[in-house]
Amino acid sequence: MERIRVIARVEARCGGRGEERPVAIWMGGRRWPIAGTLEEHMVGPPEAGGPVFQVLRVLLDDGDELLLERRVPDGGWRVFEEC
């Protein structure tokens, strides 16, 4: 499956444990609320000390799915569609 980066901005809020949680995606001047998280995991390199990424597959309120990726702990979000 191919990933295509989407030009979008992620709106996020701090969760109960201080974790950043996405609540909506801004694309094309429109706000798309996130209806739920379908999958979430952390991806890191095999060697110690490299970057770790939080990856989420989210469901938007219109039924579309997107993949969100963020470098932990302080990176910005990147948005992808899978084709």
C-alpha atoms as a PDB file:
ATOM      1  CA  MET A   1       0.000   0.000   0.000  1.00  0.00           C
ATOM      2  CA  GLU A   2       1.377   3.428  -0.954  1.00  0.00           C
ATOM      3  CA  ARG A   3       1.279   6.420   1.414  1.00  0.00           C
ATOM      4  CA  ILE A   4       0.649   9.889  -0.025  1.00  0.00           C
ATOM      5  CA  ARG A   5       1.388  12.916   2.134  1.00  0.00           C
ATOM      6  CA  VAL A   6      -1.569  15.275   2.436  1.00  0.00           C
ATOM      7  CA  ILE A   7      -1.291  19.033   2.877  1.00  0.00           C
ATOM      8  CA  ALA A   8      -3.209  19.481   6.094  1.00  0.00           C
ATOM      9  CA  ARG A   9      -2.945  20.806   9.626  1.00  0.00           C
ATOM     10  CA  VAL A  10      -3.720  18.716  12.694  1.00  0.00           C
ATOM     11  CA  GLU A  11      -5.668  20.335  15.525  1.00  0.00           C
ATOM     12  CA  ALA A  12      -4.667  18.673  18.798  1.00  0.00           C
ATOM     13  CA  ARG A  13      -5.400  18.969  22.514  1.00  0.00           C
ATOM     14  CA  CYS A  14      -3.485  17.783  25.564  1.00  0.00           C
ATOM     15  CA  GLY A  15      -4.931  14.583  27.010  1.00  0.00           C
ATOM     16  CA  GLY A  16      -5.215  13.513  30.639  1.00  0.00           C
ATOM     17  CA  ARG A  17      -1.568  12.444  30.928  1.00  0.00           C
ATOM     18  CA  GLY A  18      -0.225  15.462  29.064  1.00  0.00           C
ATOM     19  CA  GLU A  19      -0.191  13.578  25.751  1.00  0.00           C
ATOM     20  CA  GLU A  20      -1.095  15.446  22.592  1.00  0.00           C
ATOM     21  CA  ARG A  21      -4.275  14.002  21.016  1.00  0.00           C
ATOM     22  CA  PRO A  22      -5.555  14.983  17.556  1.00  0.00           C
ATOM     23  CA  VAL A  23      -9.187  16.159  17.459  1.00  0.00           C
ATOM     24  CA  ALA A  24      -9.556  17.444  13.880  1.00  0.00           C
ATOM     25  CA  ILE A  25      -7.810  17.825  10.530  1.00  0.00           C
ATOM     26  CA  TRP A  26      -7.851  21.093   8.548  1.00  0.00           C
ATOM     27  CA  MET A  27      -7.792  20.543   4.755  1.00  0.00           C
ATOM     28  CA  GLY A  28      -8.872  22.870   1.983  1.00  0.00           C
ATOM     29  CA  GLY A  29     -10.070  25.519   4.424  1.00  0.00           C
ATOM     30  CA  ARG A  30     -12.452  23.063   6.125  1.00  0.00           C
ATOM     31  CA  ARG A  31     -12.297  21.432   9.550  1.00  0.00           C
ATOM     32  CA  TRP A  32     -12.795  17.635   9.527  1.00  0.00           C
ATOM     33  CA  PRO A  33     -13.493  16.328  13.070  1.00  0.00           C
ATOM     34  CA  ILE A  34     -11.873  13.036  14.046  1.00  0.00           C
ATOM     35  CA  ALA A  35     -14.620  10.560  14.989  1.00  0.00           C
ATOM     36  CA  GLY A  36     -12.248   7.983  16.484  1.00  0.00           C
ATOM     37  CA  THR A  37      -8.862   6.306  16.552  1.00  0.00           C
ATOM     38  CA  LEU A  38      -8.827   2.939  14.768  1.00  0.00           C
ATOM     39  CA  GLU A  39      -5.216   2.009  15.483  1.00  0.00           C
ATOM     40  CA  GLU A  40      -2.313   3.485  17.438  1.00  0.00           C
ATOM     41  CA  HIS A  41       1.284   2.371  17.883  1.00  0.00           C
ATOM     42  CA  MET A  42       4.811   3.643  18.382  1.00  0.00           C
ATOM     43  CA  VAL A  43       7.528   3.086  15.771  1.00  0.00           C
ATOM     44  CA  GLY A  44      11.183   3.350  16.643  1.00  0.00           C
ATOM     45  CA  PRO A  45      14.526   2.442  15.139  1.00  0.00           C
ATOM     46  CA  PRO A  46      16.302  -0.810  15.960  1.00  0.00           C
ATOM     47  CA  GLU A  47      19.233   1.158  17.426  1.00  0.00           C
ATOM     48  CA  ALA A  48      18.872   2.959  20.740  1.00  0.00           C
ATOM     49  CA  GLY A  49      18.668   6.729  20.769  1.00  0.00           C
ATOM     50  CA  GLY A  50      17.013   7.224  17.373  1.00  0.00           C
ATOM     51  CA  PRO A  51      13.709   9.005  16.786  1.00  0.00           C
ATOM     52  CA  VAL A  52      10.431   7.440  17.890  1.00  0.00           C
ATOM     53  CA  PHE A  53       7.160   8.128  16.053  1.00  0.00           C
ATOM     54  CA  GLN A  54       3.569   7.918  17.250  1.00  0.00           C
ATOM     55  CA  VAL A  55       1.385   6.593  14.413  1.00  0.00           C
ATOM     56  CA  LEU A  56      -2.420   6.752  14.438  1.00  0.00           C
ATOM     57  CA  ARG A  57      -5.019   5.579  11.934  1.00  0.00           C
ATOM     58  CA  VAL A  58      -8.028   7.840  12.478  1.00  0.00           C
ATOM     59  CA  LEU A  59     -11.594   7.867  11.233  1.00  0.00           C
ATOM     60  CA  LEU A  60     -12.975  11.235  10.174  1.00  0.00           C
ATOM     61  CA  ASP A  61     -16.634  12.075  10.737  1.00  0.00           C
ATOM     62  CA  ASP A  62     -17.314  11.625   6.979  1.00  0.00           C
ATOM     63  CA  GLY A  63     -16.057   8.002   7.056  1.00  0.00           C
ATOM     64  CA  ASP A  64     -12.634   8.608   5.481  1.00  0.00           C
ATOM     65  CA  GLU A  65      -9.513   7.210   7.138  1.00  0.00           C
ATOM     66  CA  LEU A  66      -6.168   9.002   7.443  1.00  0.00           C
ATOM     67  CA  LEU A  67      -2.793   8.074   8.871  1.00  0.00           C
ATOM     68  CA  LEU A  68      -1.209  10.569  11.297  1.00  0.00           C
ATOM     69  CA  GLU A  69       2.442  10.486  12.321  1.00  0.00           C
ATOM     70  CA  ARG A  70       4.267  12.557  14.947  1.00  0.00           C
ATOM     71  CA  ARG A  71       7.845  12.466  16.202  1.00  0.00           C
ATOM     72  CA  VAL A  72       7.729  11.985  19.969  1.00  0.00           C
ATOM     73  CA  PRO A  73       7.804  13.960  22.165  1.00  0.00           C
ATOM     74  CA  ASP A  74       7.795  17.325  20.418  1.00  0.00           C
ATOM     75  CA  GLY A  75       7.427  16.862  16.675  1.00  0.00           C
ATOM     76  CA  GLY A  76       4.734  18.219  14.426  1.00  0.00           C
ATOM     77  CA  TRP A  77       2.063  16.019  12.898  1.00  0.00           C
ATOM     78  CA  ARG A  78       2.228  14.688   9.316  1.00  0.00           C
ATOM     79  CA  VAL A  79      -0.904  13.460   7.508  1.00  0.00           C
ATOM     80  CA  PHE A  80      -1.062  10.638   4.938  1.00  0.00           C
ATOM     81  CA  GLU A  81      -3.662   8.897   2.791  1.00  0.00           C
ATOM     82  CA  GLU A  82      -3.121   5.265   1.833  1.00  0.00           C
ATOM     83  CA  CYS A  83      -3.806   4.151  -1.730  1.00  0.00           C
END
